[in-house]
Amino acid sequence: ASRDRLATGLEQVGLRVTRPQGTYFIQADVRPLGIVDGQDFARQLPHRAGVVCIPTAVFCDTPEIGGPFVRFAFCKRPEVIDETVRRLTAYAAELSG
């Protein structure tokens, strides 16, 4: 249920997500927000939106492969997931001007 709650929220924000079968992380593509560098996105996100994600590139031998992707943990209480989506929605609106 937490996976689906976060995945749906991230999709509503505008991110493309992969719904995993056996992990606590959802992979998200940040390019729909007009961002190409997941590492830069992950560095700025805590300061700009109060949300933390993990850039996928840090797990890749060839960082470019994971470049536009980040991971969000969904092993959180429902209210934390909802607040995350609220903050990401506000940040995405800020990005789009």
N, C-alpha and C. Protein backbone atom coordinates (compact mmCIF):
# COMPACT_ATOMS: atom_id res chain seq x y z
N ALA A 1 0.83 -1.20 0.00
CA ALA A 1 0.00 0.00 0.00
C ALA A 1 0.88 1.27 0.00
N SER A 2 1.96 1.25 0.76
CA SER A 2 2.85 2.42 0.81
C SER A 2 3.52 2.65 -0.54
N ARG A 3 3.90 1.56 -1.18
CA ARG A 3 4.52 1.68 -2.51
C ARG A 3 3.56 2.35 -3.48
N ASP A 4 2.33 1.87 -3.51
CA ASP A 4 1.35 2.43 -4.43
C ASP A 4 0.99 3.87 -4.08
N ARG A 5 0.93 4.18 -2.79
CA ARG A 5 0.62 5.54 -2.35
C ARG A 5 1.70 6.51 -2.84
N LEU A 6 2.98 6.15 -2.65
CA LEU A 6 4.06 7.03 -3.08
C LEU A 6 4.16 7.07 -4.60
N ALA A 7 4.04 5.93 -5.26
CA ALA A 7 4.14 5.90 -6.72
C ALA A 7 3.07 6.78 -7.35
N THR A 8 1.86 6.67 -6.88
CA THR A 8 0.76 7.50 -7.40
C THR A 8 1.05 8.97 -7.16
N GLY A 9 1.53 9.30 -5.97
CA GLY A 9 1.86 10.69 -5.66
C GLY A 9 2.96 11.23 -6.54
N LEU A 10 4.01 10.45 -6.75
CA LEU A 10 5.12 10.89 -7.61
C LEU A 10 4.65 11.07 -9.05
N GLU A 11 3.77 10.19 -9.50
CA GLU A 11 3.21 10.35 -10.85
C GLU A 11 2.39 11.62 -10.96
N GLN A 12 1.64 11.95 -9.91
CA GLN A 12 0.84 13.18 -9.91
C GLN A 12 1.74 14.41 -9.94
N VAL A 13 2.91 14.31 -9.33
CA VAL A 13 3.87 15.41 -9.35
C VAL A 13 4.43 15.60 -10.77
N GLY A 14 4.43 14.51 -11.55
CA GLY A 14 4.92 14.57 -12.92
C GLY A 14 6.11 13.67 -13.19
N LEU A 15 6.57 12.95 -12.18
CA LEU A 15 7.69 12.05 -12.37
C LEU A 15 7.22 10.74 -13.01
N ARG A 16 8.10 10.13 -13.78
CA ARG A 16 7.84 8.77 -14.30
C ARG A 16 8.45 7.80 -13.30
N VAL A 17 7.66 6.84 -12.87
CA VAL A 17 8.14 5.91 -11.84
C VAL A 17 8.09 4.47 -12.32
N THR A 18 8.91 3.66 -11.67
CA THR A 18 8.89 2.22 -11.85
C THR A 18 8.40 1.63 -10.54
N ARG A 19 7.31 0.90 -10.59
CA ARG A 19 6.77 0.27 -9.38
C ARG A 19 7.52 -1.04 -9.13
N PRO A 20 8.30 -1.09 -8.05
CA PRO A 20 9.13 -2.27 -7.80
C PRO A 20 8.31 -3.45 -7.27
N GLN A 21 8.87 -4.62 -7.38
CA GLN A 21 8.24 -5.84 -6.86
C GLN A 21 8.81 -6.26 -5.51
N GLY A 22 10.05 -5.86 -5.18
CA GLY A 22 10.65 -6.38 -3.95
C GLY A 22 11.72 -5.51 -3.36
N THR A 23 11.41 -4.28 -3.02
CA THR A 23 12.38 -3.37 -2.41
C THR A 23 11.60 -2.31 -1.66
N TYR A 24 12.30 -1.41 -1.00
CA TYR A 24 11.65 -0.30 -0.30
C TYR A 24 11.83 1.01 -1.05
N PHE A 25 12.27 0.94 -2.30
CA PHE A 25 12.57 2.14 -3.07
C PHE A 25 11.81 2.17 -4.39
N ILE A 26 11.38 3.36 -4.76
CA ILE A 26 10.77 3.59 -6.07
C ILE A 26 11.76 4.39 -6.90
N GLN A 27 12.01 3.92 -8.09
CA GLN A 27 12.89 4.61 -9.03
C GLN A 27 12.05 5.65 -9.78
N ALA A 28 12.55 6.88 -9.85
CA ALA A 28 11.82 7.94 -10.54
C ALA A 28 12.73 8.67 -11.53
N ASP A 29 12.16 8.99 -12.66
CA ASP A 29 12.85 9.73 -13.72
C ASP A 29 12.48 11.21 -13.54
N VAL A 30 13.48 12.08 -13.36
CA VAL A 30 13.22 13.50 -13.09
C VAL A 30 13.08 14.34 -14.36
N ARG A 31 13.33 13.77 -15.52
CA ARG A 31 13.28 14.54 -16.76
C ARG A 31 11.94 15.20 -17.05
N PRO A 32 10.80 14.60 -16.68
CA PRO A 32 9.54 15.29 -16.93
C PRO A 32 9.42 16.64 -16.21
N LEU A 33 10.25 16.86 -15.18
CA LEU A 33 10.25 18.15 -14.48
C LEU A 33 11.21 19.14 -15.14
N GLY A 34 11.83 18.74 -16.25
CA GLY A 34 12.78 19.61 -16.93
C GLY A 34 14.18 19.52 -16.35
N ILE A 35 14.45 18.47 -15.60
CA ILE A 35 15.74 18.27 -14.94
C ILE A 35 16.41 17.05 -15.58
N VAL A 36 17.68 17.16 -15.88
CA VAL A 36 18.39 16.03 -16.50
C VAL A 36 19.40 15.37 -15.57
N ASP A 37 19.77 16.02 -14.50
CA ASP A 37 20.80 15.52 -13.60
C ASP A 37 20.19 15.13 -12.26
N GLY A 38 20.03 13.82 -12.04
CA GLY A 38 19.45 13.33 -10.80
C GLY A 38 20.30 13.65 -9.58
N GLN A 39 21.62 13.69 -9.75
CA GLN A 39 22.48 14.02 -8.61
C GLN A 39 22.28 15.47 -8.17
N ASP A 40 22.17 16.37 -9.13
CA ASP A 40 21.91 17.77 -8.80
C ASP A 40 20.54 17.92 -8.15
N PHE A 41 19.56 17.24 -8.70
CA PHE A 41 18.21 17.25 -8.13
C PHE A 41 18.25 16.78 -6.68
N ALA A 42 18.94 15.66 -6.42
CA ALA A 42 19.02 15.10 -5.07
C ALA A 42 19.75 16.03 -4.11
N ARG A 43 20.74 16.76 -4.60
CA ARG A 43 21.46 17.71 -3.73
C ARG A 43 20.59 18.90 -3.36
N GLN A 44 19.80 19.38 -4.30
CA GLN A 44 18.98 20.58 -4.07
C GLN A 44 17.68 20.29 -3.31
N LEU A 45 17.14 19.10 -3.50
CA LEU A 45 15.81 18.80 -2.98
C LEU A 45 15.65 19.01 -1.47
N PRO A 46 16.59 18.59 -0.62
CA PRO A 46 16.40 18.83 0.82
C PRO A 46 16.28 20.32 1.16
N HIS A 47 17.03 21.15 0.46
CA HIS A 47 17.03 22.59 0.74
C HIS A 47 15.81 23.28 0.14
N ARG A 48 15.39 22.83 -1.02
CA ARG A 48 14.30 23.48 -1.75
C ARG A 48 12.92 22.96 -1.37
N ALA A 49 12.85 21.66 -0.96
CA ALA A 49 11.54 21.08 -0.68
C ALA A 49 11.47 20.33 0.65
N GLY A 50 12.60 20.16 1.32
CA GLY A 50 12.58 19.41 2.57
C GLY A 50 12.34 17.93 2.38
N VAL A 51 12.74 17.41 1.23
CA VAL A 51 12.57 15.99 0.89
C VAL A 51 13.94 15.44 0.48
N VAL A 52 14.17 14.18 0.81
CA VAL A 52 15.44 13.55 0.48
C VAL A 52 15.20 12.38 -0.48
N CYS A 53 16.05 12.29 -1.47
CA CYS A 53 16.05 11.14 -2.39
C CYS A 53 17.50 10.75 -2.64
N ILE A 54 17.70 9.62 -3.28
CA ILE A 54 19.04 9.10 -3.54
C ILE A 54 19.27 9.08 -5.05
N PRO A 55 20.33 9.72 -5.53
CA PRO A 55 20.58 9.67 -6.98
C PRO A 55 21.03 8.27 -7.40
N THR A 56 20.42 7.74 -8.42
CA THR A 56 20.73 6.39 -8.89
C THR A 56 22.15 6.30 -9.45
N ALA A 57 22.67 7.37 -9.99
CA ALA A 57 24.00 7.36 -10.60
C ALA A 57 25.08 6.87 -9.63
N VAL A 58 24.90 7.07 -8.34
CA VAL A 58 25.92 6.64 -7.38
C VAL A 58 26.05 5.12 -7.30
N PHE A 59 25.07 4.40 -7.85
CA PHE A 59 25.10 2.95 -7.84
C PHE A 59 25.60 2.37 -9.17
N CYS A 60 25.95 3.22 -10.12
CA CYS A 60 26.29 2.77 -11.48
C CYS A 60 27.78 2.91 -11.76
N ASP A 61 28.36 1.91 -12.40
CA ASP A 61 29.75 2.01 -12.84
C ASP A 61 29.89 3.13 -13.87
N THR A 62 28.86 3.30 -14.67
CA THR A 62 28.81 4.39 -15.65
C THR A 62 27.71 5.34 -15.18
N PRO A 63 28.07 6.41 -14.44
CA PRO A 63 27.06 7.28 -13.84
C PRO A 63 26.04 7.86 -14.82
N GLU A 64 26.42 8.01 -16.09
CA GLU A 64 25.49 8.58 -17.06
C GLU A 64 24.24 7.71 -17.21
N ILE A 65 24.41 6.40 -17.01
CA ILE A 65 23.27 5.49 -17.15
C ILE A 65 22.19 5.84 -16.13
N GLY A 66 22.59 6.14 -14.91
CA GLY A 66 21.63 6.48 -13.86
C GLY A 66 21.35 7.96 -13.76
N GLY A 67 21.95 8.74 -14.65
CA GLY A 67 21.90 10.20 -14.57
C GLY A 67 20.58 10.85 -14.23
N PRO A 68 19.49 10.56 -14.95
CA PRO A 68 18.25 11.28 -14.69
C PRO A 68 17.33 10.60 -13.67
N PHE A 69 17.86 9.63 -12.93
CA PHE A 69 17.00 8.86 -12.02
C PHE A 69 17.38 9.07 -10.56
N VAL A 70 16.35 9.00 -9.71
CA VAL A 70 16.54 9.06 -8.26
C VAL A 70 15.65 8.00 -7.62
N ARG A 71 15.95 7.69 -6.37
CA ARG A 71 15.16 6.70 -5.62
C ARG A 71 14.54 7.36 -4.41
N PHE A 72 13.29 7.03 -4.17
CA PHE A 72 12.57 7.48 -2.98
C PHE A 72 12.18 6.25 -2.17
N ALA A 73 12.37 6.31 -0.85
CA ALA A 73 11.98 5.20 0.03
C ALA A 73 10.49 5.32 0.36
N PHE A 74 9.80 4.20 0.32
CA PHE A 74 8.37 4.24 0.66
C PHE A 74 8.06 3.50 1.96
N CYS A 75 9.10 3.11 2.70
CA CYS A 75 8.88 2.45 4.00
C CYS A 75 8.67 3.52 5.07
N LYS A 76 7.61 4.30 4.87
CA LYS A 76 7.27 5.44 5.73
C LYS A 76 5.81 5.37 6.12
N ARG A 77 5.45 6.12 7.18
CA ARG A 77 4.05 6.23 7.57
C ARG A 77 3.26 6.96 6.48
N PRO A 78 1.99 6.65 6.32
CA PRO A 78 1.18 7.29 5.28
C PRO A 78 1.22 8.81 5.32
N GLU A 79 1.21 9.38 6.51
CA GLU A 79 1.22 10.85 6.61
C GLU A 79 2.55 11.44 6.14
N VAL A 80 3.64 10.69 6.30
CA VAL A 80 4.94 11.14 5.82
C VAL A 80 4.97 11.10 4.29
N ILE A 81 4.42 10.05 3.72
CA ILE A 81 4.34 9.95 2.26
C ILE A 81 3.48 11.08 1.71
N ASP A 82 2.35 11.34 2.34
CA ASP A 82 1.46 12.42 1.88
C ASP A 82 2.15 13.78 1.96
N GLU A 83 2.89 14.02 3.01
CA GLU A 83 3.62 15.29 3.16
C GLU A 83 4.72 15.40 2.11
N THR A 84 5.38 14.30 1.83
CA THR A 84 6.40 14.28 0.78
C THR A 84 5.80 14.68 -0.56
N VAL A 85 4.67 14.09 -0.89
CA VAL A 85 4.01 14.42 -2.16
C VAL A 85 3.57 15.88 -2.17
N ARG A 86 3.07 16.38 -1.06
CA ARG A 86 2.66 17.79 -0.99
C ARG A 86 3.86 18.70 -1.25
N ARG A 87 4.98 18.41 -0.62
CA ARG A 87 6.18 19.24 -0.80
C ARG A 87 6.74 19.15 -2.22
N LEU A 88 6.73 17.93 -2.77
CA LEU A 88 7.21 17.77 -4.14
C LEU A 88 6.29 18.47 -5.15
N THR A 89 5.01 18.46 -4.89
CA THR A 89 4.05 19.15 -5.76
C THR A 89 4.34 20.65 -5.76
N ALA A 90 4.58 21.21 -4.58
CA ALA A 90 4.89 22.63 -4.47
C ALA A 90 6.21 22.94 -5.18
N TYR A 91 7.20 22.08 -5.02
CA TYR A 91 8.49 22.29 -5.68
C TYR A 91 8.36 22.20 -7.20
N ALA A 92 7.62 21.23 -7.68
CA ALA A 92 7.41 21.09 -9.13
C ALA A 92 6.71 22.32 -9.70
N ALA A 93 5.77 22.87 -8.96
CA ALA A 93 5.09 24.09 -9.40
C ALA A 93 6.06 25.26 -9.46
N GLU A 94 6.97 25.32 -8.50
CA GLU A 94 8.00 26.36 -8.47
C GLU A 94 8.92 26.23 -9.70
N LEU A 95 9.26 24.99 -10.05
CA LEU A 95 10.13 24.76 -11.19
C LEU A 95 9.48 25.20 -12.50
N SER A 96 8.19 24.97 -12.60
CA SER A 96 7.49 25.29 -13.86
C SER A 96 7.17 26.77 -13.97
N GLY A 97 7.43 27.51 -12.90
CA GLY A 97 7.30 28.96 -12.95
C GLY A 97 5.93 29.43 -12.74
